[in-house]
Amino acid sequence: MIGAVVLAQYGVLGYKFGFWKEPTSSTKISVTVKKTLPITEINGLAVSTEKVIESEKDGLPIIGGKKMLIVASWKVKLGIDGSKIKLTTGDSSNVIKAELPKLMVTSMEQVGTPHVYSQSGSLLDSYSSQDVLNAVNAKSRSVKSAVLNDEDYQKQTLDSIEGMLSSIINAAPGVAGNYKIEYSVAE
């Protein structure tokens, strides 16, 4: 009985005065910046697109022809090269003119693994991974061009970039409310 009372008191006192503490651990992380690069790429829009690719190679029926459908997805980013933005202003006018470079695809990446559906019916010659890769790469060029030439995507991208740049320009002392910003796109 006395032992139980002593253990109970020791437990209360030990807890109260910190004889039992949770172990602490710390991790020290140091980072060294070796070089900073200027940000030149300004993205205004990211588009996800999916295309069905039909690929067919001639061969003898049943033993040599290849026919497949491939469903592939891409994420395409539209933007501009920020290092080519030209800002001008006149002494007497309260207008800042910003000439933006032409829109470009700033990045394009294939998302996920393409889904392949064989339609060849060939007994001896099936499609290879290289056949799939060739078909996807051939289509990626047309996807890039289609996204870049889409008028709705162009308008959304330019609106987004103009909004970002307006926020940056208006943050300069004396600009907000005193200057109008006019945008144009270089040919």
C-alpha atoms as a PDB file:
ATOM      1  CA  MET A   1       0.000   0.000   0.000  1.00  0.00           C
ATOM      2  CA  ILE A   2       2.761   2.389   0.899  1.00  0.00           C
ATOM      3  CA  GLY A   3       4.521   1.436  -2.330  1.00  0.00           C
ATOM      4  CA  ALA A   4       1.439   2.335  -4.363  1.00  0.00           C
ATOM      5  CA  VAL A   5       1.141   5.733  -2.658  1.00  0.00           C
ATOM      6  CA  VAL A   6       4.850   6.471  -3.265  1.00  0.00           C
ATOM      7  CA  LEU A   7       4.573   5.457  -6.919  1.00  0.00           C
ATOM      8  CA  ALA A   8       1.445   7.592  -7.357  1.00  0.00           C
ATOM      9  CA  GLN A   9       3.126  10.629  -5.794  1.00  0.00           C
ATOM     10  CA  TYR A  10       6.255  10.058  -7.825  1.00  0.00           C
ATOM     11  CA  GLY A  11       4.133   9.872 -10.973  1.00  0.00           C
ATOM     12  CA  VAL A  12       2.293  13.124 -10.190  1.00  0.00           C
ATOM     13  CA  LEU A  13       5.481  14.924  -9.197  1.00  0.00           C
ATOM     14  CA  GLY A  14       7.379  13.481 -12.146  1.00  0.00           C
ATOM     15  CA  TYR A  15       4.709  14.671 -14.539  1.00  0.00           C
ATOM     16  CA  LYS A  16       4.376  18.083 -12.890  1.00  0.00           C
ATOM     17  CA  PHE A  17       8.106  18.828 -12.792  1.00  0.00           C
ATOM     18  CA  GLY A  18       8.916  17.324 -16.152  1.00  0.00           C
ATOM     19  CA  PHE A  19      10.800  14.157 -15.298  1.00  0.00           C
ATOM     20  CA  TRP A  20       9.015  12.531 -18.242  1.00  0.00           C
ATOM     21  CA  LYS A  21       9.239  14.565 -21.397  1.00  0.00           C
ATOM     22  CA  GLU A  22       8.534  13.655 -24.944  1.00  0.00           C
ATOM     23  CA  PRO A  23      11.729  13.462 -26.941  1.00  0.00           C
ATOM     24  CA  THR A  24      12.103  16.378 -29.302  1.00  0.00           C
ATOM     25  CA  SER A  25      13.746  16.275 -32.644  1.00  0.00           C
ATOM     26  CA  SER A  26      14.764  19.044 -34.960  1.00  0.00           C
ATOM     27  CA  THR A  27      15.969  19.080 -38.483  1.00  0.00           C
ATOM     28  CA  LYS A  28      18.230  21.753 -39.807  1.00  0.00           C
ATOM     29  CA  ILE A  29      17.881  22.580 -43.472  1.00  0.00           C
ATOM     30  CA  SER A  30      20.171  25.012 -45.204  1.00  0.00           C
ATOM     31  CA  VAL A  31      19.707  26.280 -48.723  1.00  0.00           C
ATOM     32  CA  THR A  32      22.310  27.928 -50.880  1.00  0.00           C
ATOM     33  CA  VAL A  33      21.172  29.937 -53.878  1.00  0.00           C
ATOM     34  CA  LYS A  34      23.850  29.584 -56.506  1.00  0.00           C
ATOM     35  CA  LYS A  35      22.220  31.611 -59.240  1.00  0.00           C
ATOM     36  CA  THR A  36      18.967  33.449 -59.815  1.00  0.00           C
ATOM     37  CA  LEU A  37      17.538  33.608 -63.288  1.00  0.00           C
ATOM     38  CA  PRO A  38      15.259  36.328 -64.620  1.00  0.00           C
ATOM     39  CA  ILE A  39      11.668  35.325 -65.165  1.00  0.00           C
ATOM     40  CA  THR A  40      10.950  35.758 -68.827  1.00  0.00           C
ATOM     41  CA  GLU A  41       8.094  33.358 -69.382  1.00  0.00           C
ATOM     42  CA  ILE A  42       4.665  34.725 -68.500  1.00  0.00           C
ATOM     43  CA  ASN A  43       1.885  32.149 -68.740  1.00  0.00           C
ATOM     44  CA  GLY A  44      -1.651  33.351 -69.207  1.00  0.00           C
ATOM     45  CA  LEU A  45      -3.609  30.160 -69.807  1.00  0.00           C
ATOM     46  CA  ALA A  46      -3.274  26.410 -69.306  1.00  0.00           C
ATOM     47  CA  VAL A  47      -5.382  24.229 -71.594  1.00  0.00           C
ATOM     48  CA  SER A  48      -6.066  20.523 -71.208  1.00  0.00           C
ATOM     49  CA  THR A  49      -6.869  18.765 -74.435  1.00  0.00           C
ATOM     50  CA  GLU A  50      -7.530  15.184 -75.445  1.00  0.00           C
ATOM     51  CA  LYS A  51      -7.366  13.806 -78.972  1.00  0.00           C
ATOM     52  CA  VAL A  52      -8.194  10.534 -80.672  1.00  0.00           C
ATOM     53  CA  ILE A  53      -5.414   9.468 -83.017  1.00  0.00           C
ATOM     54  CA  GLU A  54      -6.044   6.997 -85.797  1.00  0.00           C
ATOM     55  CA  SER A  55      -2.950   5.181 -87.006  1.00  0.00           C
ATOM     56  CA  GLU A  56      -2.848   2.673 -89.812  1.00  0.00           C
ATOM     57  CA  LYS A  57      -0.024   0.899 -91.611  1.00  0.00           C
ATOM     58  CA  ASP A  58      -0.517  -1.133 -94.730  1.00  0.00           C
ATOM     59  CA  GLY A  59       0.155  -4.806 -94.824  1.00  0.00           C
ATOM     60  CA  LEU A  60      -1.430  -8.036 -95.870  1.00  0.00           C
ATOM     61  CA  PRO A  61      -4.872  -8.663 -94.376  1.00  0.00           C
ATOM     62  CA  ILE A  62      -4.812 -10.784 -91.224  1.00  0.00           C
ATOM     63  CA  ILE A  63      -1.040 -11.192 -91.176  1.00  0.00           C
ATOM     64  CA  GLY A  64       0.559  -7.764 -91.602  1.00  0.00           C
ATOM     65  CA  GLY A  65      -1.622  -4.680 -91.310  1.00  0.00           C
ATOM     66  CA  LYS A  66      -1.619  -2.468 -88.232  1.00  0.00           C
ATOM     67  CA  LYS A  67      -4.557  -0.322 -87.269  1.00  0.00           C
ATOM     68  CA  MET A  68      -5.047   1.293 -83.887  1.00  0.00           C
ATOM     69  CA  LEU A  69      -6.846   4.094 -82.129  1.00  0.00           C
ATOM     70  CA  ILE A  70      -4.949   6.036 -79.488  1.00  0.00           C
ATOM     71  CA  VAL A  71      -6.475   8.440 -76.971  1.00  0.00           C
ATOM     72  CA  ALA A  72      -3.848  10.890 -75.703  1.00  0.00           C
ATOM     73  CA  SER A  73      -4.052  13.944 -73.429  1.00  0.00           C
ATOM     74  CA  TRP A  74      -1.873  17.049 -73.230  1.00  0.00           C
ATOM     75  CA  LYS A  75      -1.551  20.095 -70.989  1.00  0.00           C
ATOM     76  CA  VAL A  76      -0.604  23.139 -73.055  1.00  0.00           C
ATOM     77  CA  LYS A  77       0.394  26.529 -71.589  1.00  0.00           C
ATOM     78  CA  LEU A  78       0.078  29.720 -73.607  1.00  0.00           C
ATOM     79  CA  GLY A  79       1.994  32.849 -72.753  1.00  0.00           C
ATOM     80  CA  ILE A  80       4.608  35.344 -73.842  1.00  0.00           C
ATOM     81  CA  ASP A  81       8.320  36.005 -73.472  1.00  0.00           C
ATOM     82  CA  GLY A  82       8.296  38.695 -70.790  1.00  0.00           C
ATOM     83  CA  SER A  83      11.776  39.935 -71.703  1.00  0.00           C
ATOM     84  CA  LYS A  84      10.345  41.244 -74.998  1.00  0.00           C
ATOM     85  CA  ILE A  85       7.645  43.490 -73.479  1.00  0.00           C
ATOM     86  CA  LYS A  86       8.167  47.104 -74.576  1.00  0.00           C
ATOM     87  CA  LEU A  87       6.859  49.851 -72.283  1.00  0.00           C
ATOM     88  CA  THR A  88       6.749  53.442 -73.495  1.00  0.00           C
ATOM     89  CA  THR A  89       5.228  56.666 -72.239  1.00  0.00           C
ATOM     90  CA  GLY A  90       5.167  60.251 -73.463  1.00  0.00           C
ATOM     91  CA  ASP A  91       6.084  63.206 -71.291  1.00  0.00           C
ATOM     92  CA  SER A  92       2.815  65.058 -71.827  1.00  0.00           C
ATOM     93  CA  SER A  93       0.368  62.150 -72.011  1.00  0.00           C
ATOM     94  CA  ASN A  94      -0.780  60.058 -69.112  1.00  0.00           C
ATOM     95  CA  VAL A  95      -0.697  56.869 -71.148  1.00  0.00           C
ATOM     96  CA  ILE A  96       1.635  53.905 -70.737  1.00  0.00           C
ATOM     97  CA  LYS A  97       1.855  51.826 -73.896  1.00  0.00           C
ATOM     98  CA  ALA A  98       2.740  48.172 -73.439  1.00  0.00           C
ATOM     99  CA  GLU A  99       3.614  46.225 -76.569  1.00  0.00           C
ATOM    100  CA  LEU A 100       3.420  42.491 -75.909  1.00  0.00           C
ATOM    101  CA  PRO A 101       5.263  39.912 -78.032  1.00  0.00           C
ATOM    102  CA  LYS A 102       3.346  37.329 -80.027  1.00  0.00           C
ATOM    103  CA  LEU A 103       1.719  34.541 -78.066  1.00  0.00           C
ATOM    104  CA  MET A 104       3.576  31.258 -77.926  1.00  0.00           C
ATOM    105  CA  VAL A 105       3.226  27.824 -76.434  1.00  0.00           C
ATOM    106  CA  THR A 106       5.428  28.096 -73.361  1.00  0.00           C
ATOM    107  CA  SER A 107       5.124  24.431 -72.433  1.00  0.00           C
ATOM    108  CA  MET A 108       3.385  21.304 -73.596  1.00  0.00           C
ATOM    109  CA  GLU A 109       3.411  18.003 -71.812  1.00  0.00           C
ATOM    110  CA  GLN A 110       1.649  14.758 -72.363  1.00  0.00           C
ATOM    111  CA  VAL A 111      -0.549  13.876 -69.426  1.00  0.00           C
ATOM    112  CA  GLY A 112      -0.785  10.238 -68.406  1.00  0.00           C
ATOM    113  CA  THR A 113      -0.330   7.215 -70.590  1.00  0.00           C
ATOM    114  CA  PRO A 114      -2.089   7.064 -73.956  1.00  0.00           C
ATOM    115  CA  HIS A 115      -4.878   4.497 -74.202  1.00  0.00           C
ATOM    116  CA  VAL A 116      -4.385   2.205 -77.172  1.00  0.00           C
ATOM    117  CA  TYR A 117      -7.104   0.243 -78.908  1.00  0.00           C
ATOM    118  CA  SER A 118      -5.916  -2.232 -81.524  1.00  0.00           C
ATOM    119  CA  GLN A 119      -8.107  -2.732 -84.543  1.00  0.00           C
ATOM    120  CA  SER A 120      -5.652  -4.544 -86.753  1.00  0.00           C
ATOM    121  CA  GLY A 121      -6.846  -8.115 -86.460  1.00  0.00           C
ATOM    122  CA  SER A 122      -3.308  -9.087 -87.388  1.00  0.00           C
ATOM    123  CA  LEU A 123      -2.066 -12.458 -86.211  1.00  0.00           C
ATOM    124  CA  LEU A 124       1.652 -11.909 -86.684  1.00  0.00           C
ATOM    125  CA  ASP A 125       2.377  -8.208 -86.427  1.00  0.00           C
ATOM    126  CA  SER A 126       1.086  -6.227 -83.483  1.00  0.00           C
ATOM    127  CA  TYR A 127       1.790  -2.576 -82.750  1.00  0.00           C
ATOM    128  CA  SER A 128       4.900  -1.663 -80.800  1.00  0.00           C
ATOM    129  CA  SER A 129       5.487   1.067 -78.244  1.00  0.00           C
ATOM    130  CA  GLN A 130       7.470   2.904 -80.920  1.00  0.00           C
ATOM    131  CA  ASP A 131       4.401   2.867 -83.193  1.00  0.00           C
ATOM    132  CA  VAL A 132       2.364   4.492 -80.410  1.00  0.00           C
ATOM    133  CA  LEU A 133       5.097   7.036 -79.680  1.00  0.00           C
ATOM    134  CA  ASN A 134       5.406   7.990 -83.358  1.00  0.00           C
ATOM    135  CA  ALA A 135       1.646   8.493 -83.697  1.00  0.00           C
ATOM    136  CA  VAL A 136       1.425  10.591 -80.501  1.00  0.00           C
ATOM    137  CA  ASN A 137       4.434  12.747 -81.480  1.00  0.00           C
ATOM    138  CA  ALA A 138       2.993  13.350 -84.942  1.00  0.00           C
ATOM    139  CA  LYS A 139      -0.312  14.484 -83.418  1.00  0.00           C
ATOM    140  CA  SER A 140       1.320  16.665 -80.761  1.00  0.00           C
ATOM    141  CA  ARG A 141       2.509  19.128 -83.409  1.00  0.00           C
ATOM    142  CA  SER A 142      -1.042  19.650 -84.668  1.00  0.00           C
ATOM    143  CA  VAL A 143      -2.372  19.935 -81.088  1.00  0.00           C
ATOM    144  CA  LYS A 144       0.172  22.664 -80.346  1.00  0.00           C
ATOM    145  CA  SER A 145      -0.798  24.543 -83.495  1.00  0.00           C
ATOM    146  CA  ALA A 146      -4.538  24.162 -82.860  1.00  0.00           C
ATOM    147  CA  VAL A 147      -4.287  25.523 -79.302  1.00  0.00           C
ATOM    148  CA  LEU A 148      -2.044  28.419 -80.373  1.00  0.00           C
ATOM    149  CA  ASN A 149      -4.364  29.431 -83.236  1.00  0.00           C
ATOM    150  CA  ASP A 150      -7.634  29.199 -81.277  1.00  0.00           C
ATOM    151  CA  GLU A 151      -9.069  32.744 -81.045  1.00  0.00           C
ATOM    152  CA  ASP A 152     -10.859  32.125 -77.731  1.00  0.00           C
ATOM    153  CA  TYR A 153      -7.660  30.818 -76.130  1.00  0.00           C
ATOM    154  CA  GLN A 154      -5.735  33.805 -77.500  1.00  0.00           C
ATOM    155  CA  LYS A 155      -8.235  36.280 -76.044  1.00  0.00           C
ATOM    156  CA  GLN A 156      -8.315  34.548 -72.642  1.00  0.00           C
ATOM    157  CA  THR A 157      -4.512  34.429 -72.537  1.00  0.00           C
ATOM    158  CA  LEU A 158      -4.081  38.091 -73.428  1.00  0.00           C
ATOM    159  CA  ASP A 159      -6.774  39.154 -70.933  1.00  0.00           C
ATOM    160  CA  SER A 160      -5.012  37.205 -68.189  1.00  0.00           C
ATOM    161  CA  ILE A 161      -1.562  38.595 -69.037  1.00  0.00           C
ATOM    162  CA  GLU A 162      -2.890  42.168 -69.292  1.00  0.00           C
ATOM    163  CA  GLY A 163      -4.513  41.782 -65.868  1.00  0.00           C
ATOM    164  CA  MET A 164      -1.251  40.553 -64.335  1.00  0.00           C
ATOM    165  CA  LEU A 165       0.812  43.293 -65.944  1.00  0.00           C
ATOM    166  CA  SER A 166      -1.696  46.004 -64.993  1.00  0.00           C
ATOM    167  CA  SER A 167      -1.373  44.948 -61.347  1.00  0.00           C
ATOM    168  CA  ILE A 168       2.415  45.135 -61.548  1.00  0.00           C
ATOM    169  CA  ILE A 169       2.548  48.457 -63.417  1.00  0.00           C
ATOM    170  CA  ASN A 170      -0.075  50.094 -61.169  1.00  0.00           C
ATOM    171  CA  ALA A 171       1.952  49.088 -58.110  1.00  0.00           C
ATOM    172  CA  ALA A 172       4.682  51.538 -59.124  1.00  0.00           C
ATOM    173  CA  PRO A 173       4.514  54.793 -57.146  1.00  0.00           C
ATOM    174  CA  GLY A 174       2.348  57.441 -58.810  1.00  0.00           C
ATOM    175  CA  VAL A 175       0.961  55.229 -61.571  1.00  0.00           C
ATOM    176  CA  ALA A 176      -2.358  53.959 -60.178  1.00  0.00           C
ATOM    177  CA  GLY A 177      -5.123  56.398 -61.077  1.00  0.00           C
ATOM    178  CA  ASN A 178      -2.764  58.767 -62.913  1.00  0.00           C
ATOM    179  CA  TYR A 179      -1.950  56.707 -66.007  1.00  0.00           C
ATOM    180  CA  LYS A 180      -3.982  54.688 -68.475  1.00  0.00           C
ATOM    181  CA  ILE A 181      -2.357  51.491 -69.760  1.00  0.00           C
ATOM    182  CA  GLU A 182      -2.862  50.590 -73.428  1.00  0.00           C
ATOM    183  CA  TYR A 183      -1.883  47.151 -74.689  1.00  0.00           C
ATOM    184  CA  SER A 184      -0.978  45.994 -78.175  1.00  0.00           C
ATOM    185  CA  VAL A 185       0.477  42.777 -79.554  1.00  0.00           C
ATOM    186  CA  ALA A 186       3.509  42.779 -81.870  1.00  0.00           C
ATOM    187  CA  GLU A 187       3.014  41.238 -85.259  1.00  0.00           C
END
